[in-house]
Amino acid sequence: MGYLLALPYLIAAVVLQATLMPRLNLVGGGPDLVYLMVIAWGLNAPLRQAVAWALMGGVLFDVMSATPLGTSALGLALMVLLMDTVRLRFYELSWLFLGIMGLFGTALYQFYQMAMLDAFHLLGLMPADAPFQITWGDDLLNRTAPVMLYNVVLVLPVYLLLRVSQRRLPAAL
């Protein structure tokens, strides 16, 4: 059942990400709703379900953006695998872990996305007139830092909203 819930939630996140979030870019970056949804759901979901959310969310995001298809899906899946590996150490401190993923996980995910886009550009797989060019210093300061701040503030409310849905799911699904 968690797999079925993914589609409407992630579609809503992607649509908001593509339409509303650019208007909230107060200081250069806005919240990454797809990342937040995947991390918030994955904290209490089985690994397979969390990876499914990551793949669906990543593909949906890539379809709505100029990002090469699969780039975000792979990055989100890697973040879920990292989260699953580390979260057992924070079992009793899930709120702290959620904040860590909101802050440092966002930084790692943003770094991955910039590295992939830069690699695609250097390999000639991106058009020369692509709407984005990676300038590492500027992008880390003016895009990644604001996204980190937004995400660390929003990760708990997103988690609480999704947790209500998770608790209503039958245990066998």
N, C-alpha and C. Protein backbone atom coordinates (compact mmCIF):
# COMPACT_ATOMS: atom_id res chain seq x y z
N MET A 1 0.82 -1.19 0.00
CA MET A 1 0.00 0.00 0.00
C MET A 1 0.86 1.26 0.00
N GLY A 2 2.02 1.22 0.65
CA GLY A 2 2.93 2.36 0.66
C GLY A 2 3.40 2.72 -0.74
N TYR A 3 3.50 1.70 -1.59
CA TYR A 3 3.89 1.95 -2.97
C TYR A 3 2.81 2.75 -3.69
N LEU A 4 1.55 2.43 -3.42
CA LEU A 4 0.44 3.12 -4.08
C LEU A 4 0.32 4.57 -3.61
N LEU A 5 0.64 4.81 -2.35
CA LEU A 5 0.58 6.17 -1.83
C LEU A 5 1.66 7.05 -2.42
N ALA A 6 2.73 6.44 -2.87
CA ALA A 6 3.87 7.21 -3.36
C ALA A 6 3.49 8.10 -4.53
N LEU A 7 2.75 7.56 -5.47
CA LEU A 7 2.47 8.32 -6.69
C LEU A 7 1.75 9.65 -6.45
N PRO A 8 0.60 9.66 -5.75
CA PRO A 8 -0.05 10.97 -5.57
C PRO A 8 0.80 11.94 -4.74
N TYR A 9 1.45 11.44 -3.70
CA TYR A 9 2.29 12.32 -2.88
C TYR A 9 3.45 12.88 -3.68
N LEU A 10 4.12 12.02 -4.42
CA LEU A 10 5.29 12.46 -5.18
C LEU A 10 4.90 13.34 -6.36
N ILE A 11 3.79 13.04 -7.00
CA ILE A 11 3.33 13.91 -8.09
C ILE A 11 3.03 15.30 -7.55
N ALA A 12 2.36 15.37 -6.40
CA ALA A 12 2.08 16.67 -5.78
C ALA A 12 3.38 17.39 -5.44
N ALA A 13 4.36 16.67 -4.90
CA ALA A 13 5.65 17.28 -4.56
C ALA A 13 6.36 17.81 -5.80
N VAL A 14 6.35 17.02 -6.87
CA VAL A 14 7.02 17.44 -8.11
C VAL A 14 6.33 18.65 -8.72
N VAL A 15 5.02 18.65 -8.74
CA VAL A 15 4.28 19.79 -9.30
C VAL A 15 4.56 21.05 -8.47
N LEU A 16 4.51 20.92 -7.16
CA LEU A 16 4.84 22.07 -6.30
C LEU A 16 6.28 22.51 -6.49
N GLN A 17 7.18 21.53 -6.63
CA GLN A 17 8.60 21.83 -6.84
C GLN A 17 8.80 22.62 -8.14
N ALA A 18 8.06 22.25 -9.16
CA ALA A 18 8.24 22.90 -10.47
C ALA A 18 7.49 24.23 -10.58
N THR A 19 6.42 24.40 -9.82
CA THR A 19 5.59 25.60 -10.01
C THR A 19 5.73 26.61 -8.86
N LEU A 20 5.57 26.16 -7.64
CA LEU A 20 5.54 27.08 -6.50
C LEU A 20 6.93 27.37 -5.92
N MET A 21 7.77 26.35 -5.83
CA MET A 21 9.06 26.53 -5.16
C MET A 21 9.97 27.57 -5.83
N PRO A 22 9.97 27.69 -7.17
CA PRO A 22 10.81 28.75 -7.75
C PRO A 22 10.41 30.16 -7.26
N ARG A 23 9.17 30.31 -6.88
CA ARG A 23 8.72 31.61 -6.36
C ARG A 23 9.15 31.82 -4.91
N LEU A 24 9.51 30.74 -4.21
CA LEU A 24 9.96 30.85 -2.83
C LEU A 24 11.47 30.95 -2.70
N ASN A 25 12.17 31.03 -3.81
CA ASN A 25 13.62 31.14 -3.79
C ASN A 25 14.02 32.51 -3.26
N LEU A 26 13.93 32.67 -1.96
CA LEU A 26 14.20 33.96 -1.37
C LEU A 26 15.67 34.32 -1.41
N VAL A 27 16.53 33.36 -1.25
CA VAL A 27 17.96 33.64 -1.21
C VAL A 27 18.74 32.76 -2.18
N GLY A 28 18.13 32.34 -3.26
CA GLY A 28 18.85 31.58 -4.28
C GLY A 28 18.44 30.14 -4.40
N GLY A 29 17.86 29.58 -3.39
CA GLY A 29 17.45 28.18 -3.44
C GLY A 29 16.17 28.02 -2.66
N GLY A 30 15.45 26.97 -2.97
CA GLY A 30 14.21 26.70 -2.27
C GLY A 30 14.21 25.28 -1.73
N PRO A 31 13.20 24.90 -1.01
CA PRO A 31 13.15 23.54 -0.46
C PRO A 31 13.09 22.50 -1.57
N ASP A 32 13.67 21.36 -1.31
CA ASP A 32 13.63 20.24 -2.25
C ASP A 32 12.57 19.27 -1.74
N LEU A 33 11.34 19.46 -2.18
CA LEU A 33 10.21 18.70 -1.66
C LEU A 33 10.30 17.21 -1.95
N VAL A 34 10.80 16.85 -3.12
CA VAL A 34 10.91 15.43 -3.47
C VAL A 34 11.91 14.76 -2.53
N TYR A 35 13.05 15.38 -2.31
CA TYR A 35 14.04 14.85 -1.38
C TYR A 35 13.43 14.70 0.01
N LEU A 36 12.74 15.73 0.47
CA LEU A 36 12.13 15.69 1.80
C LEU A 36 11.11 14.56 1.93
N MET A 37 10.28 14.39 0.90
CA MET A 37 9.27 13.32 0.93
C MET A 37 9.94 11.94 1.00
N VAL A 38 10.95 11.74 0.17
CA VAL A 38 11.62 10.44 0.12
C VAL A 38 12.29 10.14 1.45
N ILE A 39 13.00 11.10 2.01
CA ILE A 39 13.69 10.89 3.28
C ILE A 39 12.69 10.69 4.42
N ALA A 40 11.66 11.52 4.46
CA ALA A 40 10.67 11.43 5.53
C ALA A 40 9.93 10.10 5.48
N TRP A 41 9.56 9.64 4.30
CA TRP A 41 8.87 8.36 4.19
C TRP A 41 9.83 7.21 4.51
N GLY A 42 11.04 7.32 4.01
CA GLY A 42 12.01 6.24 4.16
C GLY A 42 12.48 6.00 5.58
N LEU A 43 12.32 6.97 6.45
CA LEU A 43 12.78 6.80 7.83
C LEU A 43 12.07 5.65 8.53
N ASN A 44 10.78 5.45 8.22
CA ASN A 44 10.02 4.40 8.90
C ASN A 44 9.47 3.35 7.94
N ALA A 45 9.94 3.33 6.74
CA ALA A 45 9.45 2.36 5.75
C ALA A 45 10.49 1.26 5.53
N PRO A 46 10.05 0.11 5.06
CA PRO A 46 11.01 -0.92 4.66
C PRO A 46 11.92 -0.39 3.54
N LEU A 47 13.12 -0.92 3.47
CA LEU A 47 14.09 -0.43 2.50
C LEU A 47 13.57 -0.50 1.07
N ARG A 48 12.93 -1.60 0.69
CA ARG A 48 12.42 -1.74 -0.68
C ARG A 48 11.40 -0.65 -1.00
N GLN A 49 10.55 -0.36 -0.05
CA GLN A 49 9.53 0.68 -0.26
C GLN A 49 10.18 2.06 -0.36
N ALA A 50 11.17 2.32 0.47
CA ALA A 50 11.86 3.61 0.44
C ALA A 50 12.61 3.79 -0.88
N VAL A 51 13.25 2.73 -1.37
CA VAL A 51 13.94 2.81 -2.66
C VAL A 51 12.93 3.02 -3.79
N ALA A 52 11.78 2.38 -3.70
CA ALA A 52 10.74 2.58 -4.72
C ALA A 52 10.29 4.04 -4.73
N TRP A 53 10.10 4.63 -3.55
CA TRP A 53 9.75 6.06 -3.46
C TRP A 53 10.85 6.90 -4.09
N ALA A 54 12.11 6.58 -3.81
CA ALA A 54 13.24 7.34 -4.36
C ALA A 54 13.26 7.26 -5.89
N LEU A 55 13.08 6.07 -6.42
CA LEU A 55 13.11 5.91 -7.87
C LEU A 55 11.94 6.62 -8.54
N MET A 56 10.73 6.45 -7.98
CA MET A 56 9.56 7.13 -8.55
C MET A 56 9.71 8.65 -8.47
N GLY A 57 10.08 9.14 -7.29
CA GLY A 57 10.25 10.58 -7.12
C GLY A 57 11.32 11.15 -8.01
N GLY A 58 12.44 10.45 -8.14
CA GLY A 58 13.52 10.92 -8.99
C GLY A 58 13.15 10.98 -10.45
N VAL A 59 12.49 9.94 -10.94
CA VAL A 59 12.07 9.93 -12.34
C VAL A 59 11.03 11.02 -12.60
N LEU A 60 10.07 11.15 -11.70
CA LEU A 60 9.07 12.22 -11.87
C LEU A 60 9.72 13.60 -11.88
N PHE A 61 10.67 13.80 -10.98
CA PHE A 61 11.36 15.09 -10.93
C PHE A 61 12.15 15.34 -12.21
N ASP A 62 12.85 14.33 -12.70
CA ASP A 62 13.64 14.49 -13.91
C ASP A 62 12.76 14.77 -15.13
N VAL A 63 11.58 14.17 -15.17
CA VAL A 63 10.66 14.42 -16.28
C VAL A 63 10.19 15.87 -16.27
N MET A 64 9.98 16.44 -15.09
CA MET A 64 9.49 17.81 -14.98
C MET A 64 10.59 18.87 -15.06
N SER A 65 11.84 18.44 -14.99
CA SER A 65 12.94 19.41 -15.03
C SER A 65 13.82 19.12 -16.24
N ALA A 66 14.86 19.87 -16.37
CA ALA A 66 15.79 19.67 -17.49
C ALA A 66 16.89 18.68 -17.13
N THR A 67 16.80 18.05 -15.99
CA THR A 67 17.80 17.09 -15.55
C THR A 67 17.72 15.82 -16.39
N PRO A 68 18.85 15.26 -16.80
CA PRO A 68 18.81 14.00 -17.56
C PRO A 68 18.08 12.91 -16.78
N LEU A 69 17.25 12.17 -17.48
CA LEU A 69 16.40 11.16 -16.86
C LEU A 69 17.23 10.13 -16.08
N GLY A 70 16.87 9.93 -14.85
CA GLY A 70 17.54 8.95 -14.00
C GLY A 70 18.55 9.56 -13.04
N THR A 71 18.96 10.80 -13.30
CA THR A 71 19.96 11.42 -12.44
C THR A 71 19.45 11.58 -11.01
N SER A 72 18.29 12.14 -10.85
CA SER A 72 17.72 12.34 -9.51
C SER A 72 17.32 11.01 -8.88
N ALA A 73 16.81 10.09 -9.69
CA ALA A 73 16.39 8.78 -9.16
C ALA A 73 17.58 8.06 -8.55
N LEU A 74 18.72 8.06 -9.23
CA LEU A 74 19.91 7.40 -8.69
C LEU A 74 20.37 8.09 -7.42
N GLY A 75 20.39 9.43 -7.44
CA GLY A 75 20.82 10.17 -6.25
C GLY A 75 19.93 9.94 -5.06
N LEU A 76 18.62 9.94 -5.26
CA LEU A 76 17.69 9.69 -4.16
C LEU A 76 17.81 8.26 -3.65
N ALA A 77 17.98 7.31 -4.56
CA ALA A 77 18.15 5.91 -4.13
C ALA A 77 19.43 5.75 -3.31
N LEU A 78 20.50 6.42 -3.72
CA LEU A 78 21.74 6.38 -2.94
C LEU A 78 21.55 7.00 -1.55
N MET A 79 20.78 8.08 -1.48
CA MET A 79 20.52 8.70 -0.19
C MET A 79 19.71 7.78 0.72
N VAL A 80 18.75 7.07 0.14
CA VAL A 80 17.94 6.12 0.93
C VAL A 80 18.83 4.98 1.44
N LEU A 81 19.71 4.48 0.60
CA LEU A 81 20.61 3.41 1.03
C LEU A 81 21.55 3.90 2.13
N LEU A 82 22.06 5.10 1.98
CA LEU A 82 22.91 5.69 3.03
C LEU A 82 22.12 5.84 4.32
N MET A 83 20.90 6.36 4.19
CA MET A 83 20.05 6.55 5.37
C MET A 83 19.77 5.22 6.07
N ASP A 84 19.50 4.18 5.29
CA ASP A 84 19.21 2.88 5.86
C ASP A 84 20.43 2.31 6.57
N THR A 85 21.61 2.56 6.03
CA THR A 85 22.84 2.07 6.64
C THR A 85 23.13 2.76 7.96
N VAL A 86 22.88 4.04 8.03
CA VAL A 86 23.24 4.85 9.20
C VAL A 86 22.15 4.90 10.26
N ARG A 87 20.89 4.78 9.87
CA ARG A 87 19.79 5.06 10.81
C ARG A 87 19.74 4.10 11.99
N LEU A 88 20.27 2.90 11.86
CA LEU A 88 20.25 1.96 12.99
C LEU A 88 21.05 2.50 14.18
N ARG A 89 22.05 3.30 13.90
CA ARG A 89 22.85 3.89 14.99
C ARG A 89 22.08 4.99 15.72
N PHE A 90 21.06 5.52 15.07
CA PHE A 90 20.27 6.61 15.64
C PHE A 90 18.86 6.15 15.99
N TYR A 91 18.66 4.86 16.21
CA TYR A 91 17.32 4.31 16.35
C TYR A 91 16.48 5.07 17.38
N GLU A 92 17.02 5.33 18.52
CA GLU A 92 16.27 6.03 19.57
C GLU A 92 16.26 7.54 19.37
N LEU A 93 17.05 8.04 18.45
CA LEU A 93 17.17 9.47 18.23
C LEU A 93 16.71 9.84 16.82
N SER A 94 15.55 9.35 16.41
CA SER A 94 15.11 9.55 15.03
C SER A 94 14.91 11.02 14.70
N TRP A 95 14.55 11.84 15.67
CA TRP A 95 14.38 13.28 15.42
C TRP A 95 15.73 13.90 15.08
N LEU A 96 16.76 13.52 15.81
CA LEU A 96 18.10 14.02 15.54
C LEU A 96 18.57 13.55 14.16
N PHE A 97 18.32 12.30 13.87
CA PHE A 97 18.72 11.75 12.58
C PHE A 97 17.99 12.45 11.43
N LEU A 98 16.74 12.75 11.63
CA LEU A 98 15.96 13.46 10.63
C LEU A 98 16.58 14.84 10.35
N GLY A 99 16.98 15.52 11.40
CA GLY A 99 17.66 16.81 11.22
C GLY A 99 18.99 16.67 10.51
N ILE A 100 19.73 15.63 10.83
CA ILE A 100 21.01 15.38 10.16
C ILE A 100 20.79 15.13 8.67
N MET A 101 19.76 14.34 8.35
CA MET A 101 19.47 14.08 6.94
C MET A 101 18.95 15.35 6.26
N GLY A 102 18.23 16.17 6.99
CA GLY A 102 17.75 17.42 6.43
C GLY A 102 18.88 18.38 6.11
N LEU A 103 19.91 18.37 6.92
CA LEU A 103 21.03 19.29 6.73
C LEU A 103 22.14 18.67 5.88
N PHE A 104 22.79 17.64 6.43
CA PHE A 104 23.95 17.08 5.75
C PHE A 104 23.57 16.17 4.59
N GLY A 105 22.44 15.49 4.71
CA GLY A 105 21.96 14.68 3.58
C GLY A 105 21.63 15.56 2.39
N THR A 106 21.03 16.71 2.65
CA THR A 106 20.74 17.66 1.58
C THR A 106 22.03 18.12 0.92
N ALA A 107 23.04 18.44 1.72
CA ALA A 107 24.32 18.89 1.17
C ALA A 107 24.92 17.80 0.28
N LEU A 108 24.89 16.57 0.74
CA LEU A 108 25.44 15.46 -0.03
C LEU A 108 24.66 15.24 -1.33
N TYR A 109 23.34 15.30 -1.25
CA TYR A 109 22.49 15.11 -2.42
C TYR A 109 22.69 16.25 -3.42
N GLN A 110 22.76 17.48 -2.95
CA GLN A 110 22.99 18.62 -3.83
C GLN A 110 24.37 18.52 -4.50
N PHE A 111 25.37 18.11 -3.74
CA PHE A 111 26.72 17.93 -4.29
C PHE A 111 26.69 16.86 -5.38
N TYR A 112 26.00 15.74 -5.11
CA TYR A 112 25.87 14.67 -6.11
C TYR A 112 25.22 15.21 -7.39
N GLN A 113 24.13 15.96 -7.25
CA GLN A 113 23.44 16.48 -8.43
C GLN A 113 24.33 17.43 -9.23
N MET A 114 25.05 18.30 -8.54
CA MET A 114 25.93 19.22 -9.24
C MET A 114 27.05 18.46 -9.94
N ALA A 115 27.61 17.45 -9.28
CA ALA A 115 28.68 16.66 -9.89
C ALA A 115 28.18 15.93 -11.13
N MET A 116 26.99 15.36 -11.06
CA MET A 116 26.44 14.65 -12.22
C MET A 116 26.17 15.61 -13.37
N LEU A 117 25.57 16.75 -13.09
CA LEU A 117 25.29 17.71 -14.15
C LEU A 117 26.58 18.25 -14.77
N ASP A 118 27.57 18.49 -13.93
CA ASP A 118 28.86 18.94 -14.43
C ASP A 118 29.51 17.86 -15.29
N ALA A 119 29.43 16.61 -14.85
CA ALA A 119 29.99 15.50 -15.63
C ALA A 119 29.27 15.36 -16.97
N PHE A 120 27.95 15.45 -16.96
CA PHE A 120 27.21 15.37 -18.22
C PHE A 120 27.62 16.50 -19.16
N HIS A 121 27.81 17.68 -18.59
CA HIS A 121 28.20 18.82 -19.41
C HIS A 121 29.61 18.62 -19.97
N LEU A 122 30.55 18.18 -19.14
CA LEU A 122 31.93 17.97 -19.59
C LEU A 122 32.03 16.86 -20.63
N LEU A 123 31.19 15.86 -20.52
CA LEU A 123 31.21 14.75 -21.49
C LEU A 123 30.46 15.08 -22.77
N GLY A 124 29.88 16.25 -22.82
CA GLY A 124 29.15 16.66 -24.02
C GLY A 124 27.76 16.06 -24.11
N LEU A 125 27.24 15.55 -23.02
CA LEU A 125 25.92 14.94 -23.02
C LEU A 125 24.81 15.96 -22.74
N MET A 126 25.21 17.17 -22.43
CA MET A 126 24.24 18.25 -22.19
C MET A 126 24.41 19.26 -23.32
N PRO A 127 23.32 19.85 -23.77
CA PRO A 127 23.46 20.89 -24.79
C PRO A 127 24.26 22.08 -24.24
N ALA A 128 25.00 22.71 -25.13
CA ALA A 128 25.83 23.85 -24.70
C ALA A 128 24.97 24.99 -24.15
N ASP A 129 23.74 25.09 -24.62
CA ASP A 129 22.86 26.15 -24.14
C ASP A 129 21.90 25.67 -23.05
N ALA A 130 22.32 24.63 -22.33
CA ALA A 130 21.49 24.10 -21.24
C ALA A 130 21.20 25.23 -20.25
N PRO A 131 20.02 25.20 -19.62
CA PRO A 131 19.63 26.32 -18.75
C PRO A 131 20.45 26.40 -17.46
N PHE A 132 21.36 25.49 -17.25
CA PHE A 132 22.16 25.56 -16.05
C PHE A 132 23.61 25.20 -16.36
N GLN A 133 24.49 25.94 -15.78
CA GLN A 133 25.92 25.68 -15.84
C GLN A 133 26.38 25.62 -14.38
N ILE A 134 27.22 24.66 -14.06
CA ILE A 134 27.70 24.52 -12.69
C ILE A 134 28.91 25.42 -12.48
N THR A 135 28.77 26.35 -11.55
CA THR A 135 29.90 27.14 -11.05
C THR A 135 29.98 26.79 -9.57
N TRP A 136 30.92 25.95 -9.24
CA TRP A 136 30.95 25.29 -7.93
C TRP A 136 30.86 26.24 -6.75
N GLY A 137 31.68 27.24 -6.71
CA GLY A 137 31.67 28.15 -5.56
C GLY A 137 30.34 28.86 -5.40
N ASP A 138 29.86 29.43 -6.49
CA ASP A 138 28.58 30.15 -6.44
C ASP A 138 27.42 29.22 -6.13
N ASP A 139 27.41 28.05 -6.77
CA ASP A 139 26.29 27.12 -6.55
C ASP A 139 26.26 26.57 -5.13
N LEU A 140 27.44 26.27 -4.58
CA LEU A 140 27.46 25.76 -3.20
C LEU A 140 26.99 26.83 -2.22
N LEU A 141 27.40 28.05 -2.44
CA LEU A 141 27.03 29.13 -1.53
C LEU A 141 25.61 29.64 -1.76
N ASN A 142 25.25 29.86 -3.01
CA ASN A 142 23.99 30.52 -3.32
C ASN A 142 22.83 29.58 -3.59
N ARG A 143 23.09 28.30 -3.80
CA ARG A 143 21.99 27.38 -4.03
C ARG A 143 21.92 26.30 -2.97
N THR A 144 23.03 25.64 -2.72
CA THR A 144 23.04 24.52 -1.77
C THR A 144 22.78 24.98 -0.34
N ALA A 145 23.41 26.04 0.09
CA ALA A 145 23.23 26.51 1.47
C ALA A 145 21.76 26.88 1.75
N PRO A 146 21.08 27.64 0.88
CA PRO A 146 19.66 27.92 1.14
C PRO A 146 18.79 26.67 1.13
N VAL A 147 19.07 25.73 0.22
CA VAL A 147 18.30 24.49 0.18
C VAL A 147 18.48 23.73 1.48
N MET A 148 19.71 23.71 2.00
CA MET A 148 19.96 23.04 3.28
C MET A 148 19.14 23.68 4.39
N LEU A 149 19.10 24.99 4.44
CA LEU A 149 18.35 25.68 5.49
C LEU A 149 16.85 25.40 5.38
N TYR A 150 16.32 25.52 4.17
CA TYR A 150 14.90 25.21 3.97
C TYR A 150 14.61 23.77 4.40
N ASN A 151 15.44 22.84 3.93
CA ASN A 151 15.16 21.43 4.20
C ASN A 151 15.26 21.08 5.68
N VAL A 152 16.21 21.67 6.39
CA VAL A 152 16.33 21.34 7.81
C VAL A 152 15.12 21.88 8.58
N VAL A 153 14.53 22.97 8.11
CA VAL A 153 13.34 23.52 8.76
C VAL A 153 12.10 22.70 8.40
N LEU A 154 12.00 22.26 7.15
CA LEU A 154 10.78 21.60 6.67
C LEU A 154 10.77 20.08 6.85
N VAL A 155 11.90 19.47 7.16
CA VAL A 155 11.94 18.01 7.21
C VAL A 155 11.02 17.47 8.30
N LEU A 156 10.95 18.10 9.44
CA LEU A 156 10.08 17.61 10.52
C LEU A 156 8.60 17.74 10.17
N PRO A 157 8.11 18.89 9.68
CA PRO A 157 6.70 18.94 9.30
C PRO A 157 6.33 17.95 8.19
N VAL A 158 7.21 17.79 7.21
CA VAL A 158 6.94 16.81 6.14
C VAL A 158 6.89 15.40 6.73
N TYR A 159 7.83 15.11 7.62
CA TYR A 159 7.86 13.79 8.26
C TYR A 159 6.57 13.55 9.04
N LEU A 160 6.13 14.53 9.82
CA LEU A 160 4.92 14.34 10.63
C LEU A 160 3.68 14.13 9.75
N LEU A 161 3.59 14.86 8.65
CA LEU A 161 2.46 14.67 7.74
C LEU A 161 2.46 13.28 7.11
N LEU A 162 3.62 12.84 6.66
CA LEU A 162 3.70 11.51 6.05
C LEU A 162 3.56 10.40 7.08
N ARG A 163 3.99 10.65 8.28
CA ARG A 163 3.90 9.63 9.34
C ARG A 163 2.44 9.30 9.64
N VAL A 164 1.57 10.28 9.56
CA VAL A 164 0.14 10.04 9.77
C VAL A 164 -0.36 9.02 8.74
N SER A 165 0.05 9.19 7.49
CA SER A 165 -0.35 8.24 6.44
C SER A 165 0.25 6.87 6.67
N GLN A 166 1.51 6.82 7.09
CA GLN A 166 2.16 5.54 7.33
C GLN A 166 1.47 4.76 8.44
N ARG A 167 1.05 5.44 9.46
CA ARG A 167 0.40 4.75 10.59
C ARG A 167 -0.95 4.20 10.22
N ARG A 168 -1.57 4.74 9.20
CA ARG A 168 -2.90 4.25 8.79
C ARG A 168 -2.80 3.08 7.83
N LEU A 169 -1.60 2.76 7.38
CA LEU A 169 -1.44 1.63 6.46
C LEU A 169 -1.56 0.30 7.22
N PRO A 170 -2.15 -0.71 6.60
CA PRO A 170 -2.15 -2.03 7.24
C PRO A 170 -0.72 -2.52 7.41
N ALA A 171 -0.46 -3.18 8.51
CA ALA A 171 0.91 -3.64 8.82
C ALA A 171 1.46 -4.62 7.79
N ALA A 172 0.61 -5.43 7.20
CA ALA A 172 1.07 -6.45 6.26
C ALA A 172 1.49 -5.85 4.93
N LEU A 173 1.09 -4.62 4.64
CA LEU A 173 1.43 -4.01 3.36
C LEU A 173 2.56 -3.07 3.56
